[in-house]
Structure formats: C-alpha cells, structure tokens
Amino acid sequence: MPRPLGELEDAVMTRVWKWNRPVTVREVLEDLQQERSIAYTTVMTVLDNLHQKGWVRRESEGRAYRYEAVSTRAAYAAALMNDAWSQSDNPAAALVAFFGMMSEEQRASLRDAVRIVQGPETPAQSPGAAPEGVGR
C-alpha cells in the first residue's frame, strides 16, 4: 500500500499525471512557481524521492532526467481507499458512512463504476427476473 503523498509530492505528481508525458524538473518548476516560490533543487529532490519510492520512472536526457508516472492518479486514489477500507473493523459500516459523505454526482459516478465492473446484465441478473429455467 502506498503511503499518502506529502503536500509537495502531491503538487509535483499532479502535474506529472495531468500532463501524462515525460517531464523535466524545469517544466515542473516553472509551473509550480506560478503558485509558490520554490527552488529548482527542491523540485529535483522531490522528483528524485518520488523515483526512489517508485512513483515515477526516469530516463536520462543529456545531463538531466525526464520523469514519467508509473501509474495513474486513479490507481493511487483507489489504493488509498482500499487501504483505509481494509483497516476498518466494520467494512460495511465504513462504506455506508463513505457513501453518506458523497455528493449526488459522486454517487452517480459510483453507480456507473459498479455497472462497469459488473458488466452487461443478463436476464437472470435483472431485478425481478425469475431464476434461469423457472417460468412465471
């Protein structure tokens, strides 16, 4: 299970995930500097730490590196949710509480996700359908 990213790690990874391509320290630095004062060496250290933790892979380009995400932000979020849920002593109650915190839009996304995971319905799976081989 991945540890949650720190604030600066998350700010860096947000850009790497959003751009969805190999990035340089300079590109990340210039984007971050629009929000905060930050040094090149700080961004370089954060990306090196993310590489050591397995969040990004890197390829040498001249005297610098290009960094690319190893997985998606969705996979990261899913791993965090799975870890939190698995630590509950009552997983069903944890899910009910979590669903209760969701907006209607989030619940609609959840319903869509469940439909995708379950796959297409067959007549036997439809609500109210008689079991296979049983007439009504």
C-alpha atoms as a PDB file:
ATOM      1  CA  MET A   1       0.000   0.000   0.000  1.00  0.00           C
ATOM      2  CA  PRO A   2       1.363   3.387  -0.911  1.00  0.00           C
ATOM      3  CA  ARG A   3       1.787   5.976   1.787  1.00  0.00           C
ATOM      4  CA  PRO A   4      -0.176   9.135   1.093  1.00  0.00           C
ATOM      5  CA  LEU A   5       1.873  11.678  -0.816  1.00  0.00           C
ATOM      6  CA  GLY A   6       3.086  14.730   1.057  1.00  0.00           C
ATOM      7  CA  GLU A   7       1.823  18.173   0.004  1.00  0.00           C
ATOM      8  CA  LEU A   8       4.751  18.971  -2.304  1.00  0.00           C
ATOM      9  CA  GLU A   9       4.929  15.411  -3.644  1.00  0.00           C
ATOM     10  CA  ASP A  10       1.230  15.663  -4.497  1.00  0.00           C
ATOM     11  CA  ALA A  11       1.719  19.042  -6.210  1.00  0.00           C
ATOM     12  CA  VAL A  12       4.508  17.557  -8.345  1.00  0.00           C
ATOM     13  CA  MET A  13       2.640  14.318  -9.117  1.00  0.00           C
ATOM     14  CA  THR A  14      -0.499  16.295 -10.014  1.00  0.00           C
ATOM     15  CA  ARG A  15       1.444  17.885 -12.849  1.00  0.00           C
ATOM     16  CA  VAL A  16       3.054  14.629 -13.942  1.00  0.00           C
ATOM     17  CA  TRP A  17      -0.360  12.914 -14.015  1.00  0.00           C
ATOM     18  CA  LYS A  18      -2.091  15.858 -15.703  1.00  0.00           C
ATOM     19  CA  TRP A  19       0.493  16.237 -18.467  1.00  0.00           C
ATOM     20  CA  ASN A  20       0.637  12.451 -18.992  1.00  0.00           C
ATOM     21  CA  ARG A  21       4.060  12.537 -20.640  1.00  0.00           C
ATOM     22  CA  PRO A  22       7.715  12.568 -19.566  1.00  0.00           C
ATOM     23  CA  VAL A  23       8.512  15.877 -17.841  1.00  0.00           C
ATOM     24  CA  THR A  24      11.652  17.705 -16.790  1.00  0.00           C
ATOM     25  CA  VAL A  25      12.422  19.285 -13.447  1.00  0.00           C
ATOM     26  CA  ARG A  26      12.437  22.682 -15.209  1.00  0.00           C
ATOM     27  CA  GLU A  27       8.877  22.193 -16.569  1.00  0.00           C
ATOM     28  CA  VAL A  28       7.521  21.226 -13.160  1.00  0.00           C
ATOM     29  CA  LEU A  29       9.444  24.065 -11.506  1.00  0.00           C
ATOM     30  CA  GLU A  30       8.093  26.711 -13.885  1.00  0.00           C
ATOM     31  CA  ASP A  31       4.528  25.534 -13.370  1.00  0.00           C
ATOM     32  CA  LEU A  32       4.874  25.359  -9.574  1.00  0.00           C
ATOM     33  CA  GLN A  33       6.405  28.851  -9.487  1.00  0.00           C
ATOM     34  CA  GLN A  34       3.077  30.241 -10.703  1.00  0.00           C
ATOM     35  CA  GLU A  35       1.658  29.271  -7.272  1.00  0.00           C
ATOM     36  CA  ARG A  36       4.606  29.461  -4.891  1.00  0.00           C
ATOM     37  CA  SER A  37       8.245  30.391  -4.520  1.00  0.00           C
ATOM     38  CA  ILE A  38      10.266  27.208  -4.921  1.00  0.00           C
ATOM     39  CA  ALA A  39      13.845  26.331  -5.847  1.00  0.00           C
ATOM     40  CA  TYR A  40      14.974  24.122  -8.730  1.00  0.00           C
ATOM     41  CA  THR A  41      16.883  21.891  -6.293  1.00  0.00           C
ATOM     42  CA  THR A  42      13.738  21.363  -4.211  1.00  0.00           C
ATOM     43  CA  VAL A  43      11.759  20.132  -7.221  1.00  0.00           C
ATOM     44  CA  MET A  44      14.726  17.990  -8.291  1.00  0.00           C
ATOM     45  CA  THR A  45      14.890  16.424  -4.815  1.00  0.00           C
ATOM     46  CA  VAL A  46      11.122  15.763  -4.750  1.00  0.00           C
ATOM     47  CA  LEU A  47      11.250  14.053  -8.163  1.00  0.00           C
ATOM     48  CA  ASP A  48      14.277  12.015  -7.076  1.00  0.00           C
ATOM     49  CA  ASN A  49      12.407  10.954  -3.916  1.00  0.00           C
ATOM     50  CA  LEU A  50       9.338  10.037  -5.990  1.00  0.00           C
ATOM     51  CA  HIS A  51      11.615   7.960  -8.223  1.00  0.00           C
ATOM     52  CA  GLN A  52      13.125   6.159  -5.227  1.00  0.00           C
ATOM     53  CA  LYS A  53       9.615   5.471  -3.872  1.00  0.00           C
ATOM     54  CA  GLY A  54       8.540   4.008  -7.219  1.00  0.00           C
ATOM     55  CA  TRP A  55       6.035   6.697  -8.226  1.00  0.00           C
ATOM     56  CA  VAL A  56       7.944   7.821 -11.323  1.00  0.00           C
ATOM     57  CA  ARG A  57      10.433   6.278 -13.712  1.00  0.00           C
ATOM     58  CA  ARG A  58      13.154   8.382 -15.258  1.00  0.00           C
ATOM     59  CA  GLU A  59      15.272   8.414 -18.371  1.00  0.00           C
ATOM     60  CA  SER A  60      18.476  10.328 -18.814  1.00  0.00           C
ATOM     61  CA  GLU A  61      18.380  13.170 -21.316  1.00  0.00           C
ATOM     62  CA  GLY A  62      21.770  14.850 -21.549  1.00  0.00           C
ATOM     63  CA  ARG A  63      22.688  15.999 -18.055  1.00  0.00           C
ATOM     64  CA  ALA A  64      19.096  15.883 -16.831  1.00  0.00           C
ATOM     65  CA  TYR A  65      16.267  13.382 -16.489  1.00  0.00           C
ATOM     66  CA  ARG A  66      12.748  13.130 -17.856  1.00  0.00           C
ATOM     67  CA  TYR A  67      10.260  11.739 -15.338  1.00  0.00           C
ATOM     68  CA  GLU A  68       7.083   9.802 -16.104  1.00  0.00           C
ATOM     69  CA  ALA A  69       4.358   8.459 -13.797  1.00  0.00           C
ATOM     70  CA  VAL A  70       4.408   4.717 -13.136  1.00  0.00           C
ATOM     71  CA  SER A  71       0.640   4.555 -12.526  1.00  0.00           C
ATOM     72  CA  THR A  72      -2.384   6.825 -12.741  1.00  0.00           C
ATOM     73  CA  ARG A  73      -3.856   9.168 -10.176  1.00  0.00           C
ATOM     74  CA  ALA A  74      -6.988   6.981 -10.216  1.00  0.00           C
ATOM     75  CA  ALA A  75      -4.903   3.927  -9.262  1.00  0.00           C
ATOM     76  CA  TYR A  76      -3.272   5.919  -6.453  1.00  0.00           C
ATOM     77  CA  ALA A  77      -6.662   7.058  -5.117  1.00  0.00           C
ATOM     78  CA  ALA A  78      -8.038   3.523  -5.356  1.00  0.00           C
ATOM     79  CA  ALA A  79      -5.073   2.129  -3.393  1.00  0.00           C
ATOM     80  CA  LEU A  80      -5.564   4.728  -0.651  1.00  0.00           C
ATOM     81  CA  MET A  81      -9.308   3.981  -0.434  1.00  0.00           C
ATOM     82  CA  ASN A  82      -8.680   0.238  -0.382  1.00  0.00           C
ATOM     83  CA  ASP A  83      -6.129   0.586   2.415  1.00  0.00           C
ATOM     84  CA  ALA A  84      -8.431   2.762   4.514  1.00  0.00           C
ATOM     85  CA  TRP A  85     -11.368   0.412   3.956  1.00  0.00           C
ATOM     86  CA  SER A  86      -9.362  -2.722   4.737  1.00  0.00           C
ATOM     87  CA  GLN A  87      -8.284  -1.255   8.086  1.00  0.00           C
ATOM     88  CA  SER A  88     -11.883  -0.860   9.254  1.00  0.00           C
ATOM     89  CA  ASP A  89     -13.218  -3.292  11.818  1.00  0.00           C
ATOM     90  CA  ASN A  90     -16.624  -2.996  10.110  1.00  0.00           C
ATOM     91  CA  PRO A  91     -16.104  -2.584   6.348  1.00  0.00           C
ATOM     92  CA  ALA A  92     -19.841  -2.428   5.569  1.00  0.00           C
ATOM     93  CA  ALA A  93     -20.396   0.405   8.062  1.00  0.00           C
ATOM     94  CA  ALA A  94     -17.333   2.215   6.681  1.00  0.00           C
ATOM     95  CA  LEU A  95     -18.778   2.007   3.163  1.00  0.00           C
ATOM     96  CA  VAL A  96     -22.182   3.252   4.314  1.00  0.00           C
ATOM     97  CA  ALA A  97     -20.532   6.209   6.063  1.00  0.00           C
ATOM     98  CA  PHE A  98     -18.379   6.912   2.990  1.00  0.00           C
ATOM     99  CA  PHE A  99     -21.388   6.784   0.649  1.00  0.00           C
ATOM    100  CA  GLY A 100     -23.214   9.146   3.005  1.00  0.00           C
ATOM    101  CA  MET A 101     -20.445  11.717   2.536  1.00  0.00           C
ATOM    102  CA  MET A 102     -20.742  11.612  -1.246  1.00  0.00           C
ATOM    103  CA  SER A 103     -22.473  14.224  -3.359  1.00  0.00           C
ATOM    104  CA  GLU A 104     -25.204  13.093  -5.744  1.00  0.00           C
ATOM    105  CA  GLU A 105     -22.720  13.462  -8.606  1.00  0.00           C
ATOM    106  CA  GLN A 106     -20.236  11.192  -6.817  1.00  0.00           C
ATOM    107  CA  ARG A 107     -22.954   8.607  -6.142  1.00  0.00           C
ATOM    108  CA  ALA A 108     -23.855   8.670  -9.863  1.00  0.00           C
ATOM    109  CA  SER A 109     -20.187   8.042 -10.674  1.00  0.00           C
ATOM    110  CA  LEU A 110     -20.191   5.167  -8.190  1.00  0.00           C
ATOM    111  CA  ARG A 111     -23.268   3.623  -9.845  1.00  0.00           C
ATOM    112  CA  ASP A 112     -21.553   3.943 -13.244  1.00  0.00           C
ATOM    113  CA  ALA A 113     -18.412   2.286 -11.877  1.00  0.00           C
ATOM    114  CA  VAL A 114     -20.401  -0.615 -10.391  1.00  0.00           C
ATOM    115  CA  ARG A 115     -22.143  -1.155 -13.743  1.00  0.00           C
ATOM    116  CA  ILE A 116     -18.755  -1.254 -15.494  1.00  0.00           C
ATOM    117  CA  VAL A 117     -17.318  -3.749 -13.005  1.00  0.00           C
ATOM    118  CA  GLN A 118     -20.399  -5.986 -13.129  1.00  0.00           C
ATOM    119  CA  GLY A 119     -20.540  -5.980 -16.918  1.00  0.00           C
ATOM    120  CA  PRO A 120     -23.663  -6.257 -19.032  1.00  0.00           C
ATOM    121  CA  GLU A 121     -26.768  -7.576 -17.334  1.00  0.00           C
ATOM    122  CA  THR A 122     -28.211 -10.859 -18.442  1.00  0.00           C
ATOM    123  CA  PRO A 123     -31.925 -11.567 -17.997  1.00  0.00           C
ATOM    124  CA  ALA A 124     -31.162 -13.750 -14.955  1.00  0.00           C
ATOM    125  CA  GLN A 125     -29.351 -10.810 -13.289  1.00  0.00           C
ATOM    126  CA  SER A 126     -32.105  -8.271 -13.878  1.00  0.00           C
ATOM    127  CA  PRO A 127     -34.068  -7.253 -10.785  1.00  0.00           C
ATOM    128  CA  GLY A 128     -37.275  -9.212 -10.546  1.00  0.00           C
ATOM    129  CA  ALA A 129     -36.262 -11.778 -13.162  1.00  0.00           C
ATOM    130  CA  ALA A 130     -37.052 -15.381 -12.449  1.00  0.00           C
ATOM    131  CA  PRO A 131     -34.090 -17.714 -11.952  1.00  0.00           C
ATOM    132  CA  GLU A 132     -32.957 -19.492 -15.083  1.00  0.00           C
ATOM    133  CA  GLY A 133     -35.259 -22.382 -16.007  1.00  0.00           C
ATOM    134  CA  VAL A 134     -38.134 -21.116 -13.845  1.00  0.00           C
ATOM    135  CA  GLY A 135     -41.241 -19.744 -15.552  1.00  0.00           C
ATOM    136  CA  ARG A 136     -43.514 -17.039 -14.204  1.00  0.00           C
END
